[in-house]
């Protein structure tokens, strides 16, 4: 497999070889651990904190029951 990859790599223009190198370097780069200890609900509260009440009032209150209507335009049940 390695020989096949190298053979195909040699057939590429230099610009494409550079892209392959960057891709491989990205694959082998260490992944930084997530340091965020907040719960998903804390993150959601932070993201939505600045949304005015009048915007929340525009959202449907029956979204879970009528999701087919809101997603696909089906008649409400």
Protein backbone atom coordinates (compact mmCIF):
# COMPACT_ATOMS: atom_id res chain seq x y z
CA UNK A 1 0.00 0.00 0.00
CA UNK A 2 2.80 2.40 0.91
CA UNK A 3 4.43 1.90 -2.49
CA UNK A 4 1.15 2.61 -4.24
CA UNK A 5 0.71 5.85 -2.31
CA UNK A 6 4.27 6.97 -3.05
CA UNK A 7 3.87 6.11 -6.74
CA UNK A 8 0.69 8.17 -7.00
CA UNK A 9 2.31 11.00 -5.04
CA UNK A 10 5.26 11.14 -7.44
CA UNK A 11 2.84 11.53 -10.35
CA UNK A 12 1.31 14.67 -8.86
CA UNK A 13 2.43 18.24 -9.61
CA UNK A 14 4.49 19.92 -6.87
CA UNK A 15 1.51 22.02 -5.73
CA UNK A 16 -0.60 18.91 -5.19
CA UNK A 17 2.27 17.18 -3.41
CA UNK A 18 2.41 20.15 -1.03
CA UNK A 19 -1.32 19.76 -0.35
CA UNK A 20 -0.84 16.06 0.37
CA UNK A 21 2.02 16.85 2.75
CA UNK A 22 -0.10 19.39 4.62
CA UNK A 23 -2.96 16.89 4.82
CA UNK A 24 -0.72 14.15 6.22
CA UNK A 25 0.86 16.55 8.71
CA UNK A 26 -2.63 17.50 9.86
CA UNK A 27 -3.53 13.82 10.30
CA UNK A 28 -0.47 13.18 12.46
CA UNK A 29 -0.70 16.36 14.54
CA UNK A 30 -1.57 15.78 18.18
CA UNK A 31 -5.13 16.70 19.09
CA UNK A 32 -5.44 19.17 21.94
CA UNK A 33 -7.71 17.93 24.70
CA UNK A 34 -10.93 19.83 25.29
CA UNK A 35 -10.43 21.92 28.43
CA UNK A 36 -14.08 23.01 28.62
CA UNK A 37 -15.65 21.38 31.67
CA UNK A 38 -19.01 23.09 31.21
CA UNK A 39 -22.12 21.04 30.63
CA UNK A 40 -23.90 21.29 27.29
CA UNK A 41 -26.68 23.24 29.03
CA UNK A 42 -24.19 25.84 30.29
CA UNK A 43 -22.83 26.26 26.77
CA UNK A 44 -26.35 26.64 25.35
CA UNK A 45 -27.24 29.22 28.02
CA UNK A 46 -24.12 31.20 27.16
CA UNK A 47 -24.82 31.11 23.42
CA UNK A 48 -28.47 32.11 23.82
CA UNK A 49 -28.02 34.68 26.61
CA UNK A 50 -28.06 37.66 24.24
CA UNK A 51 -31.15 36.59 22.26
CA UNK A 52 -33.93 39.09 23.04
CA UNK A 53 -37.22 37.77 24.44
CA UNK A 54 -39.13 39.03 21.40
CA UNK A 55 -37.05 36.71 19.19
CA UNK A 56 -37.83 33.72 21.43
CA UNK A 57 -41.52 34.66 21.18
CA UNK A 58 -41.36 34.21 17.38
CA UNK A 59 -40.43 30.53 17.69
CA UNK A 60 -43.16 27.87 17.48
CA UNK A 61 -44.20 26.42 20.81
CA UNK A 62 -45.30 23.13 19.23
CA UNK A 63 -42.04 22.40 17.42
CA UNK A 64 -41.59 18.91 18.86
CA UNK A 65 -45.18 17.85 18.14
CA UNK A 66 -45.34 19.42 14.71
CA UNK A 67 -41.76 18.88 13.52
CA UNK A 68 -42.94 17.35 10.22
CA UNK A 69 -44.87 20.53 9.50
CA UNK A 70 -41.89 22.80 10.23
CA UNK A 71 -39.33 20.61 8.46
CA UNK A 72 -41.29 19.33 5.46
CA UNK A 73 -44.40 21.49 5.21
CA UNK A 74 -46.75 18.62 6.08
CA UNK A 75 -50.18 19.63 7.37
CA UNK A 76 -50.32 20.14 11.12
CA UNK A 77 -51.81 17.21 13.04
